[in-house]
Amino acid sequence: MSLVRWNPFREIEDFLNSQYPRQLGKGSGASQELMTMSDWAPAVDISETPQTYVIKAELAGIKREDIKVKLENGMLSLSGERKYEKDDKDSKQHRVERFYGSFSRSFSLPEDANEDQIKADYADGVLTLTVPKREGKPASTRHIEIG
């Protein structure tokens, strides 16, 4: 018996394709592409100390330049893309379990977050966002450089 990762959205998609094949593009690959785009999001750990909030996102295999961090109206957004690179044209893939394609995660920052002092570091496939705490009004929009 082999183990198969359960994806509840795939069951919903299969049901909808059986009921409404034209609207979802059955046979054209359109619905499969939509599901693939939403199938993965990096795993994150969020912790808090008396001075900071820390968000750690697991982004193994993603280049620093393919990751974007944006702050807008109290919402911290993380997006990017893990690109699939096939090494050898003669090789056959027997199993592909890692997710590829675009991803996006957004986090609403608490009122006491110091949005002007957010730091982003990327090492060993983990993006660490450090958000110091403060009292006062948040900034509106800014991009955060990854160090």
N, C-alpha and C. Protein backbone atom coordinates (compact mmCIF):
# COMPACT_ATOMS: atom_id res chain seq x y z
N MET A 1 0.84 -1.18 0.00
CA MET A 1 0.00 0.00 0.00
C MET A 1 0.88 1.24 0.00
N SER A 2 0.60 2.16 -0.87
CA SER A 2 1.39 3.39 -0.93
C SER A 2 0.62 4.53 -0.29
N LEU A 3 1.36 5.47 0.27
CA LEU A 3 0.75 6.65 0.88
C LEU A 3 0.56 7.73 -0.16
N VAL A 4 -0.58 8.39 -0.10
CA VAL A 4 -0.89 9.47 -1.03
C VAL A 4 -1.29 10.68 -0.20
N ARG A 5 -0.71 11.83 -0.53
CA ARG A 5 -1.05 13.06 0.18
C ARG A 5 -2.48 13.47 -0.16
N TRP A 6 -3.29 13.66 0.87
CA TRP A 6 -4.69 14.05 0.67
C TRP A 6 -4.77 15.53 0.41
N ASN A 7 -5.50 15.88 -0.62
CA ASN A 7 -5.71 17.27 -0.97
C ASN A 7 -7.22 17.49 -1.10
N PRO A 8 -7.84 18.10 -0.08
CA PRO A 8 -9.30 18.26 -0.15
C PRO A 8 -9.76 19.12 -1.31
N PHE A 9 -8.92 20.06 -1.75
CA PHE A 9 -9.30 20.92 -2.87
C PHE A 9 -9.38 20.12 -4.17
N ARG A 10 -8.57 19.09 -4.30
CA ARG A 10 -8.62 18.26 -5.50
C ARG A 10 -9.96 17.53 -5.57
N GLU A 11 -10.47 17.08 -4.41
CA GLU A 11 -11.78 16.43 -4.39
C GLU A 11 -12.88 17.41 -4.79
N ILE A 12 -12.80 18.61 -4.31
CA ILE A 12 -13.77 19.64 -4.69
C ILE A 12 -13.68 19.93 -6.17
N GLU A 13 -12.45 20.05 -6.69
CA GLU A 13 -12.27 20.31 -8.11
C GLU A 13 -12.84 19.17 -8.95
N ASP A 14 -12.58 17.92 -8.55
CA ASP A 14 -13.11 16.77 -9.30
C ASP A 14 -14.63 16.79 -9.31
N PHE A 15 -15.23 17.10 -8.16
CA PHE A 15 -16.68 17.17 -8.10
C PHE A 15 -17.21 18.28 -9.02
N LEU A 16 -16.61 19.47 -8.92
CA LEU A 16 -17.07 20.59 -9.75
C LEU A 16 -16.86 20.31 -11.23
N ASN A 17 -15.74 19.67 -11.58
CA ASN A 17 -15.51 19.31 -12.99
C ASN A 17 -16.57 18.35 -13.50
N SER A 18 -17.03 17.44 -12.63
CA SER A 18 -18.05 16.49 -13.07
C SER A 18 -19.40 17.17 -13.22
N GLN A 19 -19.67 18.23 -12.46
CA GLN A 19 -20.95 18.92 -12.51
C GLN A 19 -20.97 20.07 -13.53
N TYR A 20 -19.85 20.78 -13.65
CA TYR A 20 -19.78 21.98 -14.50
C TYR A 20 -18.50 21.95 -15.35
N PRO A 21 -18.34 21.02 -16.27
CA PRO A 21 -17.08 20.88 -17.00
C PRO A 21 -16.71 22.09 -17.85
N ARG A 22 -17.65 22.78 -18.46
CA ARG A 22 -17.30 23.91 -19.33
C ARG A 22 -16.82 25.11 -18.54
N GLN A 23 -17.49 25.39 -17.43
CA GLN A 23 -17.14 26.57 -16.66
C GLN A 23 -15.73 26.47 -16.07
N LEU A 24 -15.30 25.27 -15.71
CA LEU A 24 -13.99 25.11 -15.10
C LEU A 24 -12.91 24.71 -16.09
N GLY A 25 -13.25 24.63 -17.35
CA GLY A 25 -12.24 24.35 -18.36
C GLY A 25 -11.76 22.91 -18.37
N LYS A 26 -12.64 21.95 -18.09
CA LYS A 26 -12.24 20.55 -18.09
C LYS A 26 -11.66 20.16 -19.44
N GLY A 27 -10.54 19.50 -19.40
CA GLY A 27 -9.89 19.09 -20.64
C GLY A 27 -8.92 20.13 -21.17
N SER A 28 -9.05 21.37 -20.78
CA SER A 28 -8.15 22.40 -21.28
C SER A 28 -6.95 22.59 -20.37
N GLY A 29 -7.01 22.02 -19.15
CA GLY A 29 -5.91 22.20 -18.21
C GLY A 29 -6.04 23.48 -17.41
N ALA A 30 -7.04 24.29 -17.69
CA ALA A 30 -7.18 25.57 -16.99
C ALA A 30 -7.44 25.38 -15.51
N SER A 31 -8.35 24.46 -15.15
CA SER A 31 -8.65 24.28 -13.74
C SER A 31 -7.47 23.65 -13.01
N GLN A 32 -6.74 22.76 -13.66
CA GLN A 32 -5.57 22.15 -13.02
C GLN A 32 -4.52 23.22 -12.73
N GLU A 33 -4.35 24.15 -13.64
CA GLU A 33 -3.39 25.23 -13.43
C GLU A 33 -3.81 26.09 -12.25
N LEU A 34 -5.10 26.38 -12.13
CA LEU A 34 -5.58 27.17 -11.00
C LEU A 34 -5.32 26.46 -9.69
N MET A 35 -5.56 25.17 -9.64
CA MET A 35 -5.34 24.43 -8.41
C MET A 35 -3.86 24.35 -8.08
N THR A 36 -3.01 24.19 -9.08
CA THR A 36 -1.58 24.13 -8.85
C THR A 36 -1.08 25.45 -8.27
N MET A 37 -1.62 26.56 -8.75
CA MET A 37 -1.19 27.86 -8.26
C MET A 37 -1.54 28.03 -6.78
N SER A 38 -2.63 27.46 -6.33
CA SER A 38 -3.04 27.63 -4.95
C SER A 38 -2.66 26.44 -4.08
N ASP A 39 -2.00 25.44 -4.64
CA ASP A 39 -1.69 24.23 -3.90
C ASP A 39 -0.63 24.41 -2.83
N TRP A 40 0.25 25.36 -2.96
CA TRP A 40 1.31 25.41 -1.97
C TRP A 40 1.54 26.80 -1.44
N ALA A 41 1.89 26.81 -0.20
CA ALA A 41 2.29 28.04 0.49
C ALA A 41 3.38 27.60 1.47
N PRO A 42 4.41 28.39 1.63
CA PRO A 42 5.49 27.97 2.53
C PRO A 42 4.99 27.85 3.97
N ALA A 43 5.51 26.85 4.66
CA ALA A 43 5.20 26.69 6.07
C ALA A 43 5.87 27.81 6.86
N VAL A 44 5.17 28.32 7.86
CA VAL A 44 5.72 29.40 8.68
C VAL A 44 5.58 29.08 10.16
N ASP A 45 6.51 29.64 10.93
CA ASP A 45 6.42 29.64 12.39
C ASP A 45 6.35 31.10 12.79
N ILE A 46 5.43 31.44 13.68
CA ILE A 46 5.31 32.80 14.16
C ILE A 46 5.46 32.76 15.68
N SER A 47 6.39 33.57 16.18
CA SER A 47 6.62 33.61 17.62
C SER A 47 6.70 35.06 18.08
N GLU A 48 6.65 35.22 19.40
CA GLU A 48 6.66 36.56 19.98
C GLU A 48 7.54 36.58 21.22
N THR A 49 8.33 37.62 21.35
CA THR A 49 9.09 37.89 22.56
C THR A 49 8.55 39.20 23.12
N PRO A 50 9.00 39.61 24.28
CA PRO A 50 8.54 40.91 24.79
C PRO A 50 8.90 42.09 23.88
N GLN A 51 9.96 41.93 23.04
CA GLN A 51 10.41 43.03 22.18
C GLN A 51 10.04 42.88 20.71
N THR A 52 9.80 41.66 20.23
CA THR A 52 9.61 41.45 18.79
C THR A 52 8.58 40.37 18.48
N TYR A 53 8.15 40.39 17.20
CA TYR A 53 7.42 39.29 16.58
C TYR A 53 8.38 38.71 15.55
N VAL A 54 8.41 37.39 15.43
CA VAL A 54 9.31 36.74 14.47
C VAL A 54 8.51 35.78 13.61
N ILE A 55 8.67 35.93 12.29
CA ILE A 55 8.04 35.04 11.32
C ILE A 55 9.15 34.32 10.58
N LYS A 56 9.14 32.99 10.63
CA LYS A 56 10.13 32.19 9.89
C LYS A 56 9.40 31.38 8.84
N ALA A 57 9.79 31.58 7.58
CA ALA A 57 9.16 30.88 6.46
C ALA A 57 10.15 29.91 5.84
N GLU A 58 9.70 28.71 5.60
CA GLU A 58 10.54 27.66 5.02
C GLU A 58 10.50 27.79 3.49
N LEU A 59 11.64 28.20 2.91
CA LEU A 59 11.70 28.46 1.47
C LEU A 59 12.89 27.75 0.82
N ALA A 60 13.10 26.52 1.17
CA ALA A 60 14.24 25.76 0.64
C ALA A 60 14.20 25.71 -0.88
N GLY A 61 15.34 25.89 -1.49
CA GLY A 61 15.46 25.80 -2.94
C GLY A 61 15.02 27.04 -3.70
N ILE A 62 14.74 28.12 -2.99
CA ILE A 62 14.31 29.35 -3.64
C ILE A 62 15.42 30.38 -3.51
N LYS A 63 15.76 31.01 -4.63
CA LYS A 63 16.81 32.02 -4.63
C LYS A 63 16.31 33.30 -3.96
N ARG A 64 17.21 33.99 -3.30
CA ARG A 64 16.90 35.24 -2.61
C ARG A 64 16.20 36.23 -3.53
N GLU A 65 16.65 36.32 -4.78
CA GLU A 65 16.06 37.29 -5.71
C GLU A 65 14.65 36.91 -6.18
N ASP A 66 14.23 35.67 -5.90
CA ASP A 66 12.88 35.23 -6.27
C ASP A 66 11.87 35.40 -5.12
N ILE A 67 12.30 36.05 -4.03
CA ILE A 67 11.43 36.27 -2.87
C ILE A 67 11.15 37.76 -2.74
N LYS A 68 9.89 38.10 -2.54
CA LYS A 68 9.49 39.50 -2.35
C LYS A 68 8.77 39.63 -1.01
N VAL A 69 9.14 40.67 -0.25
CA VAL A 69 8.47 40.98 1.00
C VAL A 69 7.95 42.40 0.89
N LYS A 70 6.67 42.57 1.17
CA LYS A 70 6.04 43.89 1.02
C LYS A 70 5.18 44.19 2.24
N LEU A 71 5.21 45.44 2.66
CA LEU A 71 4.37 45.90 3.75
C LEU A 71 3.44 46.97 3.22
N GLU A 72 2.13 46.75 3.42
CA GLU A 72 1.15 47.72 2.94
C GLU A 72 -0.05 47.74 3.88
N ASN A 73 -0.32 48.91 4.45
CA ASN A 73 -1.48 49.11 5.33
C ASN A 73 -1.59 48.06 6.43
N GLY A 74 -0.48 47.79 7.09
CA GLY A 74 -0.49 46.85 8.20
C GLY A 74 -0.49 45.39 7.81
N MET A 75 -0.36 45.09 6.52
CA MET A 75 -0.34 43.73 6.02
C MET A 75 1.05 43.40 5.47
N LEU A 76 1.71 42.41 6.05
CA LEU A 76 3.03 41.97 5.61
C LEU A 76 2.83 40.81 4.65
N SER A 77 3.28 40.96 3.40
CA SER A 77 3.07 39.94 2.38
C SER A 77 4.39 39.36 1.94
N LEU A 78 4.39 38.06 1.77
CA LEU A 78 5.55 37.31 1.33
C LEU A 78 5.14 36.58 0.06
N SER A 79 5.89 36.77 -1.03
CA SER A 79 5.54 36.09 -2.27
C SER A 79 6.81 35.74 -3.03
N GLY A 80 6.66 34.88 -4.01
CA GLY A 80 7.80 34.48 -4.80
C GLY A 80 7.47 33.28 -5.66
N GLU A 81 8.54 32.60 -6.07
CA GLU A 81 8.35 31.46 -6.95
C GLU A 81 9.47 30.47 -6.77
N ARG A 82 9.10 29.19 -6.70
CA ARG A 82 10.08 28.11 -6.73
C ARG A 82 10.03 27.54 -8.14
N LYS A 83 11.13 27.65 -8.86
CA LYS A 83 11.17 27.22 -10.26
C LYS A 83 11.60 25.77 -10.36
N TYR A 84 10.93 25.04 -11.23
CA TYR A 84 11.27 23.65 -11.48
C TYR A 84 12.38 23.61 -12.51
N GLU A 85 13.47 22.95 -12.15
CA GLU A 85 14.61 22.84 -13.06
C GLU A 85 14.89 21.37 -13.30
N LYS A 86 14.67 20.93 -14.52
CA LYS A 86 14.96 19.54 -14.87
C LYS A 86 16.42 19.46 -15.27
N ASP A 87 17.18 18.60 -14.60
CA ASP A 87 18.62 18.53 -14.81
C ASP A 87 19.01 17.85 -16.12
N ASP A 88 18.40 16.75 -16.43
CA ASP A 88 18.84 15.94 -17.55
C ASP A 88 17.64 15.57 -18.41
N LYS A 89 17.76 15.80 -19.71
CA LYS A 89 16.66 15.48 -20.63
C LYS A 89 16.41 13.98 -20.72
N ASP A 90 17.44 13.16 -20.43
CA ASP A 90 17.30 11.71 -20.53
C ASP A 90 16.76 11.09 -19.25
N SER A 91 16.67 11.84 -18.16
CA SER A 91 16.21 11.27 -16.90
C SER A 91 14.68 11.27 -16.83
N LYS A 92 14.15 10.33 -16.08
CA LYS A 92 12.71 10.22 -15.87
C LYS A 92 12.43 10.55 -14.41
N GLN A 93 11.38 11.31 -14.19
CA GLN A 93 10.98 11.64 -12.83
C GLN A 93 10.04 10.54 -12.32
N HIS A 94 10.43 9.87 -11.25
CA HIS A 94 9.59 8.82 -10.68
C HIS A 94 8.66 9.37 -9.60
N ARG A 95 9.07 10.43 -8.95
CA ARG A 95 8.25 11.03 -7.91
C ARG A 95 8.68 12.48 -7.73
N VAL A 96 7.72 13.37 -7.72
CA VAL A 96 7.97 14.79 -7.45
C VAL A 96 7.03 15.18 -6.33
N GLU A 97 7.58 15.40 -5.13
CA GLU A 97 6.76 15.72 -3.97
C GLU A 97 6.89 17.17 -3.53
N ARG A 98 7.92 17.85 -3.99
CA ARG A 98 8.07 19.25 -3.62
C ARG A 98 7.15 20.08 -4.50
N PHE A 99 6.70 21.21 -3.96
CA PHE A 99 5.81 22.09 -4.70
C PHE A 99 6.63 23.11 -5.48
N TYR A 100 6.14 23.43 -6.68
CA TYR A 100 6.79 24.42 -7.54
C TYR A 100 5.76 25.43 -7.99
N GLY A 101 6.25 26.60 -8.39
CA GLY A 101 5.37 27.64 -8.88
C GLY A 101 5.33 28.81 -7.93
N SER A 102 4.37 29.68 -8.14
CA SER A 102 4.24 30.89 -7.34
C SER A 102 3.61 30.58 -5.99
N PHE A 103 3.96 31.39 -5.01
CA PHE A 103 3.35 31.27 -3.69
C PHE A 103 3.13 32.66 -3.13
N SER A 104 2.25 32.74 -2.15
CA SER A 104 1.98 34.01 -1.48
C SER A 104 1.43 33.74 -0.10
N ARG A 105 1.92 34.47 0.88
CA ARG A 105 1.39 34.42 2.25
C ARG A 105 1.28 35.86 2.73
N SER A 106 0.24 36.16 3.49
CA SER A 106 0.05 37.50 4.03
C SER A 106 -0.27 37.41 5.52
N PHE A 107 0.25 38.37 6.27
CA PHE A 107 0.06 38.39 7.71
C PHE A 107 -0.34 39.79 8.15
N SER A 108 -1.40 39.86 8.90
CA SER A 108 -1.85 41.13 9.46
C SER A 108 -1.00 41.42 10.69
N LEU A 109 -0.33 42.57 10.68
CA LEU A 109 0.54 42.91 11.81
C LEU A 109 -0.27 43.49 12.96
N PRO A 110 0.14 43.21 14.19
CA PRO A 110 -0.55 43.79 15.34
C PRO A 110 -0.33 45.30 15.43
N GLU A 111 -1.16 45.96 16.19
CA GLU A 111 -1.09 47.42 16.35
C GLU A 111 0.27 47.89 16.87
N ASP A 112 0.91 47.09 17.73
CA ASP A 112 2.17 47.54 18.33
C ASP A 112 3.41 47.19 17.50
N ALA A 113 3.23 46.74 16.27
CA ALA A 113 4.37 46.41 15.41
C ALA A 113 5.03 47.69 14.90
N ASN A 114 6.35 47.74 14.99
CA ASN A 114 7.12 48.88 14.49
C ASN A 114 7.44 48.61 13.02
N GLU A 115 6.60 49.06 12.14
CA GLU A 115 6.72 48.76 10.71
C GLU A 115 7.94 49.39 10.07
N ASP A 116 8.51 50.42 10.68
CA ASP A 116 9.69 51.09 10.12
C ASP A 116 10.98 50.32 10.39
N GLN A 117 10.94 49.34 11.29
CA GLN A 117 12.16 48.64 11.69
C GLN A 117 12.15 47.15 11.35
N ILE A 118 11.31 46.71 10.42
CA ILE A 118 11.24 45.30 10.06
C ILE A 118 12.53 44.89 9.36
N LYS A 119 13.06 43.74 9.77
CA LYS A 119 14.28 43.21 9.16
C LYS A 119 13.98 41.84 8.56
N ALA A 120 14.60 41.57 7.40
CA ALA A 120 14.43 40.28 6.74
C ALA A 120 15.80 39.68 6.48
N ASP A 121 16.00 38.44 6.91
CA ASP A 121 17.24 37.71 6.68
C ASP A 121 16.90 36.36 6.05
N TYR A 122 17.76 35.92 5.13
CA TYR A 122 17.53 34.65 4.44
C TYR A 122 18.80 33.82 4.54
N ALA A 123 18.70 32.68 5.21
CA ALA A 123 19.85 31.78 5.35
C ALA A 123 19.35 30.34 5.45
N ASP A 124 20.08 29.45 4.78
CA ASP A 124 19.79 28.01 4.83
C ASP A 124 18.33 27.68 4.48
N GLY A 125 17.75 28.42 3.53
CA GLY A 125 16.41 28.14 3.07
C GLY A 125 15.30 28.62 3.99
N VAL A 126 15.65 29.44 4.99
CA VAL A 126 14.65 29.97 5.91
C VAL A 126 14.69 31.49 5.87
N LEU A 127 13.55 32.10 5.58
CA LEU A 127 13.42 33.55 5.62
C LEU A 127 12.93 33.93 7.01
N THR A 128 13.68 34.80 7.68
CA THR A 128 13.31 35.25 9.02
C THR A 128 12.95 36.72 8.97
N LEU A 129 11.71 37.02 9.30
CA LEU A 129 11.23 38.40 9.36
C LEU A 129 11.11 38.78 10.83
N THR A 130 11.84 39.81 11.24
CA THR A 130 11.81 40.27 12.62
C THR A 130 11.09 41.61 12.67
N VAL A 131 10.03 41.67 13.45
CA VAL A 131 9.19 42.87 13.56
C VAL A 131 9.27 43.36 15.00
N PRO A 132 10.02 44.44 15.24
CA PRO A 132 10.08 44.98 16.61
C PRO A 132 8.72 45.55 17.03
N LYS A 133 8.51 45.61 18.33
CA LYS A 133 7.27 46.19 18.87
C LYS A 133 7.50 47.66 19.20
N ARG A 134 6.43 48.43 19.14
CA ARG A 134 6.45 49.84 19.54
C ARG A 134 5.02 50.33 19.74
N GLU A 135 4.92 51.55 20.22
CA GLU A 135 3.61 52.18 20.32
C GLU A 135 3.57 53.30 19.30
N GLY A 136 2.44 53.49 18.65
CA GLY A 136 2.31 54.54 17.66
C GLY A 136 1.57 54.08 16.44
N LYS A 137 1.47 54.96 15.45
CA LYS A 137 0.72 54.71 14.22
C LYS A 137 1.62 54.02 13.18
N PRO A 138 1.12 52.98 12.47
CA PRO A 138 1.92 52.29 11.46
C PRO A 138 2.10 53.10 10.18
N ALA A 139 3.16 52.77 9.43
CA ALA A 139 3.41 53.39 8.12
C ALA A 139 2.42 52.80 7.11
N SER A 140 2.34 53.38 5.89
CA SER A 140 1.36 52.91 4.91
C SER A 140 1.91 51.82 4.00
N THR A 141 2.97 52.08 3.22
CA THR A 141 3.50 51.10 2.28
C THR A 141 5.01 51.21 2.19
N ARG A 142 5.68 50.04 2.14
CA ARG A 142 7.11 50.02 1.88
C ARG A 142 7.57 48.63 1.54
N HIS A 143 8.66 48.50 0.80
CA HIS A 143 9.26 47.22 0.46
C HIS A 143 10.40 46.97 1.42
N ILE A 144 10.64 45.70 1.74
CA ILE A 144 11.66 45.35 2.72
C ILE A 144 12.74 44.56 2.01
N GLU A 145 13.99 44.99 2.16
CA GLU A 145 15.13 44.32 1.53
C GLU A 145 15.49 43.10 2.36
N ILE A 146 15.86 42.02 1.70
CA ILE A 146 16.28 40.79 2.37
C ILE A 146 17.79 40.82 2.50
N GLY A 147 18.28 40.68 3.70
CA GLY A 147 19.72 40.75 3.98
C GLY A 147 20.39 39.42 3.97
